[in-house]
Amino acid sequence: MKSNEIDVSKIDLDKMKEKTAETPSLLPYAHTAGGAIIKPEDVGKIKGRAVSAMREQTEMQMSQLYEQMQLLAEQAKKIQQRVEISERIYMVKMGFEPIIGKTYYLYRRENGEDFLSLVAPNEWGRSKKMDYVATVKLLADHTWDVIEEQQKNGHIK
């Protein structure tokens, strides 16, 4: 026998059949010499990265929602303050009809009564017997916007 010759009697064909596949494309490894390397993935790492990315993304979205809620709460508070000052102004006696978009001045007399005036605080003479409360403007929705106010403990007098 030559060294190049193959002795067919020594080949176990059943064992060789186990080493072949009918559908080699489904093998979890490369089935040819030039085939791509297929490495098994660590499923725990993949899930860990996915969960980490998911948490980072949802935390960012929750933070954005929280900021939006704060902005909405501030806007609601400003509207509530406009309603409160508007109700207060509409309770005072007015000798004129306020015009939308014009600026007026809210004062409180010594007896505790509020009144609305066209006269600014710096335009009164020496004998003023009232306290300046706020500079207000009538808006188109007939609420009053406080432009400037005399603060006392953080609240309008």
N, C-alpha and C. Protein backbone atom coordinates (compact mmCIF):
# COMPACT_ATOMS: atom_id res chain seq x y z
N MET A 1 0.82 -1.17 0.00
CA MET A 1 0.00 0.00 0.00
C MET A 1 0.87 1.25 0.00
N LYS A 2 0.45 2.18 -0.76
CA LYS A 2 1.15 3.45 -0.79
C LYS A 2 0.65 4.32 0.35
N SER A 3 1.44 5.25 0.77
CA SER A 3 1.06 6.13 1.86
C SER A 3 -0.05 7.10 1.46
N ASN A 4 -0.23 7.35 0.15
CA ASN A 4 -1.27 8.26 -0.31
C ASN A 4 -2.61 7.58 -0.49
N GLU A 5 -2.61 6.28 -0.47
CA GLU A 5 -3.84 5.56 -0.71
C GLU A 5 -4.68 5.47 0.55
N ILE A 6 -5.98 5.47 0.36
CA ILE A 6 -6.91 5.41 1.48
C ILE A 6 -7.47 4.01 1.53
N ASP A 7 -7.39 3.42 2.73
CA ASP A 7 -7.95 2.08 2.92
C ASP A 7 -9.40 2.24 3.30
N VAL A 8 -10.31 1.97 2.36
CA VAL A 8 -11.74 2.15 2.55
C VAL A 8 -12.26 1.22 3.63
N SER A 9 -11.66 0.12 3.85
CA SER A 9 -12.14 -0.83 4.85
C SER A 9 -11.97 -0.30 6.27
N LYS A 10 -11.07 0.67 6.45
CA LYS A 10 -10.83 1.22 7.77
C LYS A 10 -11.70 2.46 8.06
N ILE A 11 -12.49 2.88 7.09
CA ILE A 11 -13.33 4.07 7.27
C ILE A 11 -14.69 3.64 7.80
N ASP A 12 -15.09 4.25 8.90
CA ASP A 12 -16.42 3.98 9.49
C ASP A 12 -17.39 4.99 8.88
N LEU A 13 -18.17 4.54 7.89
CA LEU A 13 -19.08 5.44 7.18
C LEU A 13 -20.19 5.98 8.07
N ASP A 14 -20.66 5.19 9.03
CA ASP A 14 -21.71 5.67 9.95
C ASP A 14 -21.20 6.83 10.81
N LYS A 15 -19.97 6.71 11.25
CA LYS A 15 -19.38 7.77 12.06
C LYS A 15 -19.17 9.03 11.21
N MET A 16 -18.78 8.86 9.95
CA MET A 16 -18.59 10.00 9.04
C MET A 16 -19.92 10.69 8.78
N LYS A 17 -20.99 9.91 8.71
CA LYS A 17 -22.31 10.50 8.46
C LYS A 17 -22.73 11.40 9.61
N GLU A 18 -22.34 11.05 10.85
CA GLU A 18 -22.66 11.87 12.01
C GLU A 18 -21.97 13.24 11.93
N LYS A 19 -20.85 13.29 11.22
CA LYS A 19 -20.10 14.53 11.13
C LYS A 19 -20.56 15.43 9.99
N THR A 20 -21.57 15.04 9.26
CA THR A 20 -22.10 15.85 8.17
C THR A 20 -23.52 16.26 8.51
N ALA A 21 -24.01 17.26 7.81
CA ALA A 21 -25.36 17.77 8.06
C ALA A 21 -26.11 17.85 6.74
N GLU A 22 -27.41 17.56 6.83
CA GLU A 22 -28.23 17.69 5.64
C GLU A 22 -28.49 19.17 5.32
N THR A 23 -28.58 20.00 6.36
CA THR A 23 -28.78 21.45 6.19
C THR A 23 -27.66 22.17 6.93
N PRO A 24 -26.49 22.31 6.30
CA PRO A 24 -25.35 22.91 6.98
C PRO A 24 -25.56 24.38 7.37
N SER A 25 -26.50 25.07 6.74
CA SER A 25 -26.72 26.48 7.08
C SER A 25 -27.33 26.65 8.47
N LEU A 26 -27.86 25.60 9.03
CA LEU A 26 -28.45 25.69 10.37
C LEU A 26 -27.47 25.33 11.48
N LEU A 27 -26.25 25.00 11.12
CA LEU A 27 -25.25 24.64 12.13
C LEU A 27 -24.85 25.88 12.92
N PRO A 28 -24.58 25.74 14.21
CA PRO A 28 -24.20 26.89 15.03
C PRO A 28 -22.72 27.25 14.88
N TYR A 29 -22.04 26.71 13.88
CA TYR A 29 -20.64 27.01 13.63
C TYR A 29 -20.41 26.99 12.12
N ALA A 30 -19.27 27.55 11.71
CA ALA A 30 -18.95 27.58 10.29
C ALA A 30 -18.77 26.16 9.78
N HIS A 31 -19.33 25.83 8.64
CA HIS A 31 -19.27 24.46 8.12
C HIS A 31 -18.32 24.32 6.94
N THR A 32 -17.68 25.42 6.55
CA THR A 32 -16.66 25.34 5.50
C THR A 32 -15.42 26.06 5.99
N ALA A 33 -14.33 25.81 5.31
CA ALA A 33 -13.06 26.41 5.72
C ALA A 33 -13.10 27.93 5.64
N GLY A 34 -13.83 28.51 4.69
CA GLY A 34 -13.90 29.96 4.55
C GLY A 34 -15.13 30.56 5.20
N GLY A 35 -15.87 29.80 5.97
CA GLY A 35 -17.11 30.28 6.59
C GLY A 35 -16.86 31.30 7.70
N ALA A 36 -17.87 32.10 7.97
CA ALA A 36 -17.77 33.12 9.02
C ALA A 36 -17.69 32.47 10.39
N ILE A 37 -16.97 33.14 11.26
CA ILE A 37 -16.83 32.64 12.62
C ILE A 37 -18.10 33.00 13.38
N ILE A 38 -18.69 32.03 13.99
CA ILE A 38 -19.91 32.24 14.76
C ILE A 38 -19.57 31.93 16.20
N LYS A 39 -19.64 32.97 17.05
CA LYS A 39 -19.32 32.79 18.47
C LYS A 39 -20.61 32.78 19.26
N PRO A 40 -20.71 31.89 20.20
CA PRO A 40 -21.91 31.92 21.04
C PRO A 40 -21.88 33.18 21.90
N GLU A 41 -23.02 33.84 22.04
CA GLU A 41 -23.11 35.08 22.82
C GLU A 41 -23.47 34.75 24.26
N ASP A 42 -22.98 35.63 25.14
CA ASP A 42 -23.33 35.52 26.55
C ASP A 42 -24.69 36.20 26.71
N VAL A 43 -25.74 35.41 26.85
CA VAL A 43 -27.11 35.93 26.93
C VAL A 43 -27.27 36.87 28.12
N GLY A 44 -26.60 36.61 29.20
CA GLY A 44 -26.67 37.47 30.38
C GLY A 44 -26.14 38.86 30.10
N LYS A 45 -25.04 38.95 29.34
CA LYS A 45 -24.48 40.26 28.99
C LYS A 45 -25.43 41.02 28.09
N ILE A 46 -26.01 40.32 27.12
CA ILE A 46 -26.93 40.97 26.18
C ILE A 46 -28.14 41.53 26.94
N LYS A 47 -28.71 40.73 27.80
CA LYS A 47 -29.87 41.18 28.57
C LYS A 47 -29.48 42.32 29.51
N GLY A 48 -28.31 42.21 30.12
CA GLY A 48 -27.85 43.25 31.04
C GLY A 48 -27.69 44.58 30.34
N ARG A 49 -27.09 44.58 29.13
CA ARG A 49 -26.93 45.82 28.37
C ARG A 49 -28.28 46.37 27.95
N ALA A 50 -29.19 45.48 27.54
CA ALA A 50 -30.52 45.92 27.11
C ALA A 50 -31.28 46.55 28.28
N VAL A 51 -31.23 45.93 29.44
CA VAL A 51 -31.92 46.47 30.61
C VAL A 51 -31.31 47.80 31.02
N SER A 52 -29.99 47.89 30.96
CA SER A 52 -29.32 49.15 31.31
C SER A 52 -29.73 50.26 30.36
N ALA A 53 -29.75 49.98 29.06
CA ALA A 53 -30.16 50.98 28.07
C ALA A 53 -31.62 51.37 28.27
N MET A 54 -32.46 50.39 28.55
CA MET A 54 -33.89 50.64 28.78
C MET A 54 -34.08 51.55 30.00
N ARG A 55 -33.36 51.28 31.08
CA ARG A 55 -33.49 52.10 32.28
C ARG A 55 -33.01 53.53 32.04
N GLU A 56 -31.89 53.66 31.34
CA GLU A 56 -31.36 54.99 31.05
C GLU A 56 -32.36 55.79 30.22
N GLN A 57 -32.94 55.15 29.21
CA GLN A 57 -33.90 55.83 28.34
C GLN A 57 -35.17 56.21 29.11
N THR A 58 -35.70 55.30 29.89
CA THR A 58 -36.94 55.60 30.63
C THR A 58 -36.69 56.64 31.72
N GLU A 59 -35.53 56.63 32.35
CA GLU A 59 -35.22 57.66 33.35
C GLU A 59 -35.15 59.03 32.69
N MET A 60 -34.58 59.10 31.48
CA MET A 60 -34.51 60.36 30.76
C MET A 60 -35.92 60.85 30.42
N GLN A 61 -36.77 59.94 29.95
CA GLN A 61 -38.14 60.32 29.61
C GLN A 61 -38.93 60.74 30.85
N MET A 62 -38.73 60.04 31.97
CA MET A 62 -39.40 60.41 33.22
C MET A 62 -38.94 61.79 33.68
N SER A 63 -37.66 62.08 33.52
CA SER A 63 -37.13 63.39 33.89
C SER A 63 -37.77 64.48 33.04
N GLN A 64 -37.91 64.24 31.74
CA GLN A 64 -38.56 65.21 30.86
C GLN A 64 -40.01 65.43 31.27
N LEU A 65 -40.72 64.34 31.58
CA LEU A 65 -42.11 64.46 32.01
C LEU A 65 -42.22 65.24 33.31
N TYR A 66 -41.29 65.01 34.24
CA TYR A 66 -41.30 65.71 35.52
C TYR A 66 -41.11 67.22 35.29
N GLU A 67 -40.17 67.58 34.40
CA GLU A 67 -39.95 68.99 34.09
C GLU A 67 -41.21 69.61 33.48
N GLN A 68 -41.88 68.87 32.60
CA GLN A 68 -43.11 69.37 31.99
C GLN A 68 -44.20 69.53 33.04
N MET A 69 -44.28 68.59 33.99
CA MET A 69 -45.27 68.70 35.05
C MET A 69 -45.01 69.92 35.92
N GLN A 70 -43.72 70.20 36.21
CA GLN A 70 -43.39 71.38 37.00
C GLN A 70 -43.80 72.65 36.27
N LEU A 71 -43.54 72.70 34.97
CA LEU A 71 -43.91 73.87 34.18
C LEU A 71 -45.43 74.05 34.18
N LEU A 72 -46.17 72.95 34.00
CA LEU A 72 -47.63 73.03 34.01
C LEU A 72 -48.15 73.47 35.38
N ALA A 73 -47.53 72.97 36.44
CA ALA A 73 -47.95 73.35 37.79
C ALA A 73 -47.70 74.85 38.03
N GLU A 74 -46.57 75.36 37.54
CA GLU A 74 -46.28 76.79 37.67
C GLU A 74 -47.30 77.61 36.88
N GLN A 75 -47.63 77.16 35.68
CA GLN A 75 -48.62 77.87 34.86
C GLN A 75 -49.99 77.86 35.55
N ALA A 76 -50.36 76.72 36.11
CA ALA A 76 -51.64 76.63 36.81
C ALA A 76 -51.66 77.56 38.02
N LYS A 77 -50.53 77.64 38.72
CA LYS A 77 -50.44 78.53 39.89
C LYS A 77 -50.60 79.99 39.46
N LYS A 78 -49.96 80.38 38.35
CA LYS A 78 -50.08 81.75 37.86
C LYS A 78 -51.51 82.07 37.45
N ILE A 79 -52.18 81.13 36.83
CA ILE A 79 -53.59 81.33 36.44
C ILE A 79 -54.44 81.48 37.69
N GLN A 80 -54.19 80.65 38.71
CA GLN A 80 -54.95 80.74 39.96
C GLN A 80 -54.72 82.10 40.62
N GLN A 81 -53.49 82.59 40.59
CA GLN A 81 -53.20 83.91 41.16
C GLN A 81 -53.92 85.00 40.38
N ARG A 82 -53.98 84.85 39.04
CA ARG A 82 -54.71 85.83 38.23
C ARG A 82 -56.19 85.83 38.58
N VAL A 83 -56.75 84.63 38.81
CA VAL A 83 -58.17 84.53 39.19
C VAL A 83 -58.39 85.21 40.54
N GLU A 84 -57.49 84.95 41.49
CA GLU A 84 -57.65 85.53 42.83
C GLU A 84 -57.58 87.06 42.80
N ILE A 85 -56.59 87.61 42.09
CA ILE A 85 -56.48 89.07 42.04
C ILE A 85 -57.65 89.64 41.24
N SER A 86 -58.10 88.92 40.21
CA SER A 86 -59.24 89.39 39.41
C SER A 86 -60.50 89.46 40.26
N GLU A 87 -60.74 88.44 41.06
CA GLU A 87 -61.91 88.45 41.94
C GLU A 87 -61.82 89.60 42.94
N ARG A 88 -60.62 89.81 43.46
CA ARG A 88 -60.41 90.90 44.41
C ARG A 88 -60.70 92.25 43.75
N ILE A 89 -60.21 92.44 42.52
CA ILE A 89 -60.43 93.71 41.82
C ILE A 89 -61.90 93.90 41.48
N TYR A 90 -62.57 92.84 41.06
CA TYR A 90 -63.99 92.98 40.70
C TYR A 90 -64.89 93.23 41.91
N MET A 91 -64.35 93.08 43.12
CA MET A 91 -65.12 93.38 44.35
C MET A 91 -65.04 94.86 44.71
N VAL A 92 -64.09 95.60 44.13
CA VAL A 92 -63.92 97.01 44.49
C VAL A 92 -64.91 97.87 43.72
N LYS A 93 -65.14 99.07 44.26
CA LYS A 93 -65.99 100.04 43.58
C LYS A 93 -65.15 100.72 42.51
N MET A 94 -65.70 100.79 41.30
CA MET A 94 -65.00 101.44 40.20
C MET A 94 -65.87 102.56 39.66
N GLY A 95 -65.29 103.73 39.50
CA GLY A 95 -66.03 104.86 38.95
C GLY A 95 -65.80 104.98 37.45
N PHE A 96 -65.21 103.95 36.84
CA PHE A 96 -64.92 103.97 35.42
C PHE A 96 -64.95 102.54 34.90
N GLU A 97 -65.01 102.39 33.58
CA GLU A 97 -64.96 101.07 32.97
C GLU A 97 -63.54 100.80 32.52
N PRO A 98 -62.89 99.76 33.08
CA PRO A 98 -61.51 99.45 32.69
C PRO A 98 -61.46 99.02 31.21
N ILE A 99 -60.37 99.39 30.54
CA ILE A 99 -60.18 99.06 29.13
C ILE A 99 -59.13 97.96 29.02
N ILE A 100 -59.42 96.97 28.17
CA ILE A 100 -58.51 95.83 27.98
C ILE A 100 -57.16 96.35 27.48
N GLY A 101 -56.12 95.84 28.10
CA GLY A 101 -54.76 96.19 27.71
C GLY A 101 -54.19 97.40 28.42
N LYS A 102 -55.00 98.10 29.20
CA LYS A 102 -54.52 99.29 29.92
C LYS A 102 -54.03 98.90 31.32
N THR A 103 -53.15 99.74 31.86
CA THR A 103 -52.56 99.52 33.18
C THR A 103 -53.30 100.35 34.23
N TYR A 104 -53.55 99.73 35.37
CA TYR A 104 -54.24 100.37 36.49
C TYR A 104 -53.47 100.06 37.77
N TYR A 105 -53.88 100.73 38.85
CA TYR A 105 -53.18 100.60 40.12
C TYR A 105 -54.18 100.24 41.21
N LEU A 106 -53.85 99.21 41.97
CA LEU A 106 -54.71 98.75 43.06
C LEU A 106 -54.14 99.28 44.37
N TYR A 107 -55.02 99.90 45.17
CA TYR A 107 -54.63 100.48 46.46
C TYR A 107 -55.55 99.94 47.54
N ARG A 108 -55.09 100.11 48.78
CA ARG A 108 -55.91 99.77 49.95
C ARG A 108 -55.94 100.98 50.86
N ARG A 109 -57.17 101.40 51.19
CA ARG A 109 -57.35 102.55 52.09
C ARG A 109 -57.05 102.14 53.53
N GLU A 110 -56.93 103.10 54.39
CA GLU A 110 -56.66 102.84 55.81
C GLU A 110 -57.77 102.00 56.44
N ASN A 111 -59.02 102.14 55.94
CA ASN A 111 -60.13 101.36 56.50
C ASN A 111 -60.17 99.92 55.97
N GLY A 112 -59.18 99.54 55.12
CA GLY A 112 -59.10 98.18 54.62
C GLY A 112 -59.80 97.95 53.30
N GLU A 113 -60.40 98.99 52.76
CA GLU A 113 -61.13 98.88 51.50
C GLU A 113 -60.18 99.05 50.31
N ASP A 114 -60.29 98.15 49.32
CA ASP A 114 -59.47 98.25 48.11
C ASP A 114 -60.14 99.20 47.11
N PHE A 115 -59.31 99.83 46.27
CA PHE A 115 -59.88 100.58 45.15
C PHE A 115 -58.89 100.57 43.99
N LEU A 116 -59.43 100.72 42.78
CA LEU A 116 -58.66 100.71 41.56
C LEU A 116 -58.55 102.14 41.04
N SER A 117 -57.35 102.50 40.57
CA SER A 117 -57.14 103.87 40.14
C SER A 117 -56.31 103.92 38.86
N LEU A 118 -56.46 105.05 38.15
CA LEU A 118 -55.63 105.33 36.98
C LEU A 118 -54.34 106.03 37.39
N VAL A 119 -54.27 106.47 38.64
CA VAL A 119 -53.14 107.26 39.14
C VAL A 119 -52.07 106.34 39.71
N ALA A 120 -50.84 106.51 39.22
CA ALA A 120 -49.70 105.70 39.68
C ALA A 120 -49.27 106.14 41.08
N PRO A 121 -48.59 105.28 41.81
CA PRO A 121 -48.16 105.63 43.17
C PRO A 121 -47.29 106.89 43.23
N ASN A 122 -46.45 107.13 42.22
CA ASN A 122 -45.58 108.31 42.24
C ASN A 122 -46.30 109.59 41.80
N GLU A 123 -47.57 109.49 41.42
CA GLU A 123 -48.34 110.65 40.97
C GLU A 123 -49.24 111.24 42.06
N TRP A 124 -49.30 110.60 43.22
CA TRP A 124 -50.13 111.09 44.32
C TRP A 124 -49.43 112.23 45.03
N GLY A 125 -50.20 113.08 45.61
CA GLY A 125 -49.64 114.17 46.42
C GLY A 125 -49.17 113.64 47.76
N ARG A 126 -48.84 114.57 48.65
CA ARG A 126 -48.33 114.20 49.98
C ARG A 126 -49.40 113.62 50.88
N SER A 127 -50.63 113.93 50.65
CA SER A 127 -51.69 113.54 51.58
C SER A 127 -52.34 112.20 51.22
N LYS A 128 -51.57 111.28 50.68
CA LYS A 128 -52.19 110.00 50.34
C LYS A 128 -52.44 109.18 51.61
N LYS A 129 -53.64 108.67 51.72
CA LYS A 129 -54.03 107.89 52.89
C LYS A 129 -54.41 106.48 52.45
N MET A 130 -53.49 105.87 51.70
CA MET A 130 -53.72 104.51 51.23
C MET A 130 -52.36 103.86 50.95
N ASP A 131 -52.41 102.55 50.84
CA ASP A 131 -51.20 101.78 50.55
C ASP A 131 -51.29 101.24 49.13
N TYR A 132 -50.18 101.33 48.44
CA TYR A 132 -50.08 100.75 47.09
C TYR A 132 -50.06 99.23 47.23
N VAL A 133 -50.85 98.54 46.43
CA VAL A 133 -50.91 97.07 46.47
C VAL A 133 -50.24 96.47 45.24
N ALA A 134 -50.69 96.91 44.03
CA ALA A 134 -50.15 96.31 42.82
C ALA A 134 -50.46 97.15 41.59
N THR A 135 -49.64 96.96 40.58
CA THR A 135 -49.91 97.51 39.25
C THR A 135 -50.48 96.35 38.45
N VAL A 136 -51.65 96.57 37.85
CA VAL A 136 -52.34 95.49 37.16
C VAL A 136 -52.73 95.90 35.75
N LYS A 137 -52.97 94.89 34.92
CA LYS A 137 -53.36 95.13 33.54
C LYS A 137 -54.53 94.22 33.22
N LEU A 138 -55.56 94.78 32.59
CA LEU A 138 -56.74 94.00 32.22
C LEU A 138 -56.44 93.24 30.93
N LEU A 139 -56.57 91.91 30.98
CA LEU A 139 -56.32 91.06 29.82
C LEU A 139 -57.61 90.83 29.03
N ALA A 140 -57.47 90.31 27.83
CA ALA A 140 -58.61 90.10 26.93
C ALA A 140 -59.64 89.13 27.50
N ASP A 141 -59.21 88.21 28.35
CA ASP A 141 -60.15 87.27 28.95
C ASP A 141 -60.81 87.83 30.22
N HIS A 142 -60.59 89.13 30.46
CA HIS A 142 -61.13 89.87 31.61
C HIS A 142 -60.57 89.41 32.94
N THR A 143 -59.41 88.77 32.89
CA THR A 143 -58.66 88.55 34.13
C THR A 143 -57.63 89.65 34.21
N TRP A 144 -57.10 89.84 35.40
CA TRP A 144 -56.12 90.89 35.64
C TRP A 144 -54.76 90.25 35.86
N ASP A 145 -53.77 90.78 35.16
CA ASP A 145 -52.39 90.32 35.30
C ASP A 145 -51.65 91.28 36.21
N VAL A 146 -50.97 90.75 37.22
CA VAL A 146 -50.19 91.59 38.12
C VAL A 146 -48.84 91.87 37.46
N ILE A 147 -48.60 93.12 37.16
CA ILE A 147 -47.34 93.52 36.52
C ILE A 147 -46.28 93.76 37.58
N GLU A 148 -46.69 94.42 38.66
CA GLU A 148 -45.79 94.72 39.77
C GLU A 148 -46.63 94.71 41.03
N GLU A 149 -46.04 94.25 42.11
CA GLU A 149 -46.80 94.23 43.35
C GLU A 149 -45.94 94.64 44.52
N GLN A 150 -46.62 95.18 45.52
CA GLN A 150 -45.97 95.52 46.78
C GLN A 150 -45.97 94.24 47.60
N GLN A 151 -44.80 93.70 47.86
CA GLN A 151 -44.71 92.42 48.58
C GLN A 151 -44.77 92.64 50.09
N LYS A 152 -45.49 91.76 50.72
CA LYS A 152 -45.50 91.73 52.19
C LYS A 152 -45.60 90.26 52.56
N ASN A 153 -44.51 89.71 53.08
CA ASN A 153 -44.42 88.29 53.42
C ASN A 153 -44.68 87.40 52.20
N GLY A 154 -44.28 87.86 51.00
CA GLY A 154 -44.41 87.05 49.79
C GLY A 154 -45.78 87.04 49.18
N HIS A 155 -46.75 87.79 49.74
CA HIS A 155 -48.10 87.79 49.21
C HIS A 155 -48.57 89.22 48.96
N ILE A 156 -49.52 89.37 48.07
CA ILE A 156 -50.12 90.69 47.85
C ILE A 156 -50.90 91.04 49.10
N LYS A 157 -50.76 92.26 49.53
CA LYS A 157 -51.47 92.72 50.75
C LYS A 157 -52.96 92.50 50.61
